[in-house]
Amino acid sequence: MGSQSRLLFRNTDGQVYRTSESASGISWFVNNMRLVNKDAKHIERFLAEYNFDGQSTPQGAGLVVVDMMENTILDYQDVTGVGFLEGILIAADARDLIQISSGDPTLAEHIELAYQVVQEGTKETEGADEYKCVRFREFLEAGRGSIGTRGRDKSEISDYQIKGKSLYQIHQDLSSLEKPIRCNLNMDPFEVIIYKSHTLEGAREMQQKMGELGFQFSADELKDWNTWKRHYCREE
């Protein structure tokens, strides 16, 4: 099925952009305080750096829709989280930043600096938000991040107490494989609606919701939706 999904973006002026993107690319654009804040520079960077083509249909692992007009995000794919970040991936990004700077991943000071990295020579975090650990810290600082531990069936089983813990302590907990941790993101004003990926039910509900939001499908797109449902979906 591939590790890419279709990403569909409708701007505030009604213009629709379609691209195919990797898990990291989708996570950067969507799971970002800059999208939540409708930061014009974030949108401009997305429009400048991505290649746009394709149709308003699932591709690869599925489809993500970001609708700036109706403040809605639809998620029908299984390659990356939408509205949350996995703790193990946050911690891995921090370790990558430490290695890039030739730091020591065992030192608390170097670990905390990784979460607070800013673009060299500036006071802005422009570019640093490509790292999940930086975006995670930004959501926490904005009071928009809550953490829960998860069981092996991926159900959330308890709340994680952030208060009083340093970034170093949180990083150590995020690195745990025994108690997987997920950071849930408050995406308000966006409503995040998640559909079961690769299911007929999810595909039908996603397509119906897109219609309710005002997205229109061409004859070719309707054909591609039907092809997706026949070949890439399972009954639930």
Protein backbone atom coordinates (compact mmCIF):
# COMPACT_ATOMS: atom_id res chain seq x y z
CA MET A 1 0.00 0.00 0.00
CA GLY A 2 2.95 2.33 0.49
CA SER A 3 3.92 4.73 3.25
CA GLN A 4 2.41 7.76 1.54
CA SER A 5 -1.11 9.11 1.73
CA ARG A 6 -3.05 11.71 -0.20
CA LEU A 7 -3.15 15.06 1.58
CA LEU A 8 -5.91 17.42 0.54
CA PHE A 9 -5.88 21.04 1.74
CA ARG A 10 -8.62 23.63 1.29
CA ASN A 11 -7.48 27.17 2.02
CA THR A 12 -9.63 29.94 3.44
CA ASP A 13 -10.27 31.25 -0.09
CA GLY A 14 -11.77 27.90 -1.14
CA GLN A 15 -8.81 26.84 -3.28
CA VAL A 16 -8.16 23.10 -3.00
CA TYR A 17 -4.65 21.64 -3.18
CA ARG A 18 -3.89 17.92 -3.49
CA THR A 19 -0.58 16.19 -2.94
CA SER A 20 0.84 12.80 -1.97
CA GLU A 21 3.01 12.94 1.11
CA SER A 22 4.93 10.76 3.54
CA ALA A 23 4.04 10.18 7.18
CA SER A 24 6.59 12.76 8.34
CA GLY A 25 5.37 15.35 5.83
CA ILE A 26 1.74 14.97 6.90
CA SER A 27 2.68 15.09 10.57
CA TRP A 28 4.75 18.25 10.07
CA PHE A 29 1.95 20.11 8.33
CA VAL A 30 -0.98 18.93 10.45
CA ASN A 31 0.38 18.25 13.95
CA ASN A 32 1.75 21.74 14.26
CA MET A 33 0.85 24.76 16.39
CA ARG A 34 1.35 26.87 13.28
CA LEU A 35 -1.60 25.17 11.59
CA VAL A 36 -3.69 25.51 14.77
CA ASN A 37 -2.86 29.23 14.77
CA LYS A 38 -3.47 29.46 11.02
CA ASP A 39 -0.02 30.95 10.64
CA ALA A 40 0.27 32.43 7.13
CA LYS A 41 3.99 31.57 6.94
CA HIS A 42 3.25 27.90 7.67
CA ILE A 43 0.65 27.78 4.89
CA GLU A 44 2.94 29.66 2.49
CA ARG A 45 5.79 27.23 3.16
CA PHE A 46 3.50 24.26 2.58
CA LEU A 47 2.24 25.71 -0.71
CA ALA A 48 5.76 26.63 -1.85
CA GLU A 49 7.54 23.35 -1.03
CA TYR A 50 4.99 20.67 -1.95
CA ASN A 51 4.06 19.45 -5.42
CA PHE A 52 0.33 19.52 -6.08
CA ASP A 53 -1.56 17.23 -8.43
CA GLY A 54 -3.86 14.25 -8.23
CA GLN A 55 -7.45 13.85 -7.17
CA SER A 56 -9.68 14.13 -4.10
CA THR A 57 -9.41 10.41 -3.41
CA PRO A 58 -7.35 8.09 -1.17
CA GLN A 59 -3.92 7.03 -2.37
CA GLY A 60 -1.33 4.69 -0.91
CA ALA A 61 -2.25 4.41 2.76
CA GLY A 62 -5.33 6.63 2.54
CA LEU A 63 -6.38 10.28 2.71
CA VAL A 64 -6.10 13.27 5.06
CA VAL A 65 -8.22 16.39 4.52
CA VAL A 66 -7.41 19.74 6.11
CA ASP A 67 -10.27 22.20 5.62
CA MET A 68 -9.47 25.77 6.66
CA MET A 69 -12.96 26.96 5.66
CA GLU A 70 -14.87 24.64 7.99
CA ASN A 71 -12.10 24.12 10.58
CA THR A 72 -12.22 20.37 10.05
CA ILE A 73 -9.54 17.71 9.68
CA LEU A 74 -10.52 14.29 8.34
CA ASP A 75 -8.18 11.34 8.83
CA TYR A 76 -8.55 8.11 6.85
CA GLN A 77 -5.06 6.55 6.78
CA ASP A 78 -2.72 4.52 8.94
CA VAL A 79 0.84 5.77 8.38
CA THR A 80 0.93 8.64 10.88
CA GLY A 81 -1.00 10.09 13.78
CA VAL A 82 -3.30 13.05 13.20
CA GLY A 83 -4.06 15.04 16.33
CA PHE A 84 -1.45 13.14 18.35
CA LEU A 85 2.25 12.30 18.41
CA GLU A 86 3.72 8.96 19.48
CA GLY A 87 6.13 9.30 22.38
CA ILE A 88 8.71 6.89 20.99
CA LEU A 89 8.95 9.00 17.80
CA ILE A 90 9.21 12.25 19.75
CA ALA A 91 12.13 10.83 21.73
CA ALA A 92 13.79 9.49 18.57
CA ASP A 93 13.69 12.96 16.99
CA ALA A 94 15.35 14.42 20.09
CA ARG A 95 18.13 11.83 19.89
CA ASP A 96 18.64 12.66 16.19
CA LEU A 97 19.05 16.35 17.04
CA ILE A 98 21.57 15.51 19.75
CA GLN A 99 23.60 13.43 17.30
CA ILE A 100 23.49 16.19 14.67
CA SER A 101 24.98 18.62 17.21
CA SER A 102 27.55 16.03 18.39
CA GLY A 103 26.01 16.08 21.84
CA ASP A 104 25.72 13.41 24.49
CA PRO A 105 22.31 11.68 24.55
CA THR A 106 22.86 10.66 28.17
CA LEU A 107 23.20 14.23 29.47
CA ALA A 108 20.03 15.93 30.72
CA GLU A 109 21.25 19.32 29.51
CA HIS A 110 21.75 18.11 25.93
CA ILE A 111 18.38 16.31 25.91
CA GLU A 112 16.51 19.40 27.09
CA LEU A 113 18.28 21.58 24.50
CA ALA A 114 17.09 19.22 21.75
CA TYR A 115 13.46 19.93 22.67
CA GLN A 116 14.14 23.67 22.68
CA VAL A 117 16.22 23.90 19.52
CA VAL A 118 15.81 27.01 17.38
CA GLN A 119 17.18 27.77 13.96
CA GLU A 120 20.84 28.74 14.32
CA GLY A 121 21.46 32.48 14.23
CA THR A 122 17.82 33.49 14.75
CA LYS A 123 15.35 33.93 17.57
CA GLU A 124 12.64 32.16 15.61
CA THR A 125 11.83 28.45 15.55
CA GLU A 126 11.36 28.51 11.77
CA GLY A 127 12.55 25.18 10.38
CA ALA A 128 12.96 23.57 13.80
CA ASP A 129 9.30 22.48 13.73
CA GLU A 130 10.28 19.73 11.31
CA TYR A 131 11.21 17.81 14.45
CA LYS A 132 8.42 16.16 16.44
CA CYS A 133 10.19 16.86 19.73
CA VAL A 134 10.05 20.61 19.06
CA ARG A 135 6.38 20.52 18.05
CA PHE A 136 5.62 18.41 21.11
CA ARG A 137 7.23 21.01 23.39
CA GLU A 138 5.34 23.82 21.65
CA PHE A 139 1.99 22.13 22.27
CA LEU A 140 2.92 21.55 25.92
CA GLU A 141 3.93 25.19 26.39
CA ALA A 142 0.64 26.32 24.84
CA GLY A 143 -1.29 24.14 27.28
CA ARG A 144 -2.54 22.04 24.36
CA GLY A 145 -0.78 18.75 25.01
CA SER A 146 -1.94 15.93 27.25
CA ILE A 147 -0.16 12.62 27.65
CA GLY A 148 -1.58 9.17 28.22
CA THR A 149 0.05 5.76 28.55
CA ARG A 150 -1.29 3.02 26.32
CA GLY A 151 -1.74 -0.70 26.62
CA ARG A 152 -0.52 -3.14 24.00
CA ASP A 153 -3.97 -3.03 22.39
CA LYS A 154 -3.30 0.73 21.90
CA SER A 155 -6.13 1.76 24.22
CA GLU A 156 -5.38 4.65 26.55
CA ILE A 157 -5.23 3.27 30.06
CA SER A 158 -4.13 6.16 32.28
CA ASP A 159 -3.25 9.82 32.36
CA TYR A 160 0.37 10.85 32.61
CA GLN A 161 1.24 13.62 35.07
CA ILE A 162 3.32 16.30 33.34
CA LYS A 163 3.28 18.86 36.15
CA GLY A 164 6.56 19.09 38.00
CA LYS A 165 8.53 17.02 35.48
CA SER A 166 11.46 18.35 33.49
CA LEU A 167 11.83 17.79 29.76
CA TYR A 168 14.59 15.32 30.59
CA GLN A 169 12.25 13.27 32.81
CA ILE A 170 9.50 13.39 30.21
CA HIS A 171 11.98 12.33 27.51
CA GLN A 172 13.01 9.29 29.55
CA ASP A 173 9.37 8.26 29.89
CA LEU A 174 8.66 8.87 26.20
CA SER A 175 11.51 6.50 25.34
CA SER A 176 9.88 3.60 27.20
CA LEU A 177 8.79 0.62 25.12
CA GLU A 178 7.12 -1.08 28.07
CA LYS A 179 4.55 1.69 28.56
CA PRO A 180 3.98 3.35 25.18
CA ILE A 181 3.07 7.02 25.58
CA ARG A 182 1.05 9.20 23.24
CA CYS A 183 0.79 12.98 23.28
CA ASN A 184 -2.74 14.05 22.43
CA LEU A 185 -2.93 17.47 20.78
CA ASN A 186 -5.70 20.00 21.27
CA MET A 187 -6.25 21.12 17.67
CA ASP A 188 -9.01 23.65 18.43
CA PRO A 189 -10.48 25.41 16.42
CA PHE A 190 -10.13 22.34 14.18
CA GLU A 191 -12.34 19.33 14.74
CA VAL A 192 -10.42 16.13 14.05
CA ILE A 193 -12.56 13.25 12.76
CA ILE A 194 -10.85 9.86 12.46
CA TYR A 195 -12.18 7.07 10.26
CA LYS A 196 -11.10 3.42 10.28
CA SER A 197 -8.48 3.11 7.56
CA HIS A 198 -8.88 0.58 4.76
CA THR A 199 -12.48 -0.21 5.71
CA LEU A 200 -15.56 0.20 3.56
CA GLU A 201 -17.34 1.90 6.42
CA GLY A 202 -14.52 4.40 6.85
CA ALA A 203 -14.32 5.14 3.13
CA ARG A 204 -18.07 5.69 2.82
CA GLU A 205 -18.21 7.93 5.90
CA MET A 206 -15.18 9.93 4.76
CA GLN A 207 -16.60 10.46 1.28
CA GLN A 208 -19.99 11.44 2.72
CA LYS A 209 -18.42 13.94 5.15
CA MET A 210 -16.41 15.52 2.36
CA GLY A 211 -19.64 16.01 0.43
CA GLU A 212 -21.26 17.63 3.47
CA LEU A 213 -18.31 20.01 3.71
CA GLY A 214 -18.86 21.06 0.11
CA PHE A 215 -16.18 19.08 -1.71
CA GLN A 216 -17.30 17.99 -5.16
CA PHE A 217 -16.06 14.93 -6.99
CA SER A 218 -15.55 14.61 -10.73
CA ALA A 219 -16.66 11.52 -12.62
CA ASP A 220 -13.07 10.24 -12.60
CA GLU A 221 -12.78 10.82 -8.85
CA LEU A 222 -16.01 8.93 -8.18
CA LYS A 223 -14.60 6.08 -10.27
CA ASP A 224 -11.37 6.11 -8.25
CA TRP A 225 -13.32 6.08 -4.98
CA ASN A 226 -15.20 2.99 -6.16
CA THR A 227 -11.95 1.34 -7.23
CA TRP A 228 -10.47 2.05 -3.80
CA LYS A 229 -13.46 0.52 -2.05
CA ARG A 230 -13.30 -2.64 -4.20
CA HIS A 231 -9.57 -3.29 -4.01
CA TYR A 232 -8.20 -1.67 -0.87
CA CYS A 233 -10.98 -1.92 1.71
CA ARG A 234 -12.16 -4.65 4.01
CA GLU A 235 -15.58 -5.20 5.51
CA GLU A 236 -15.96 -4.51 9.23
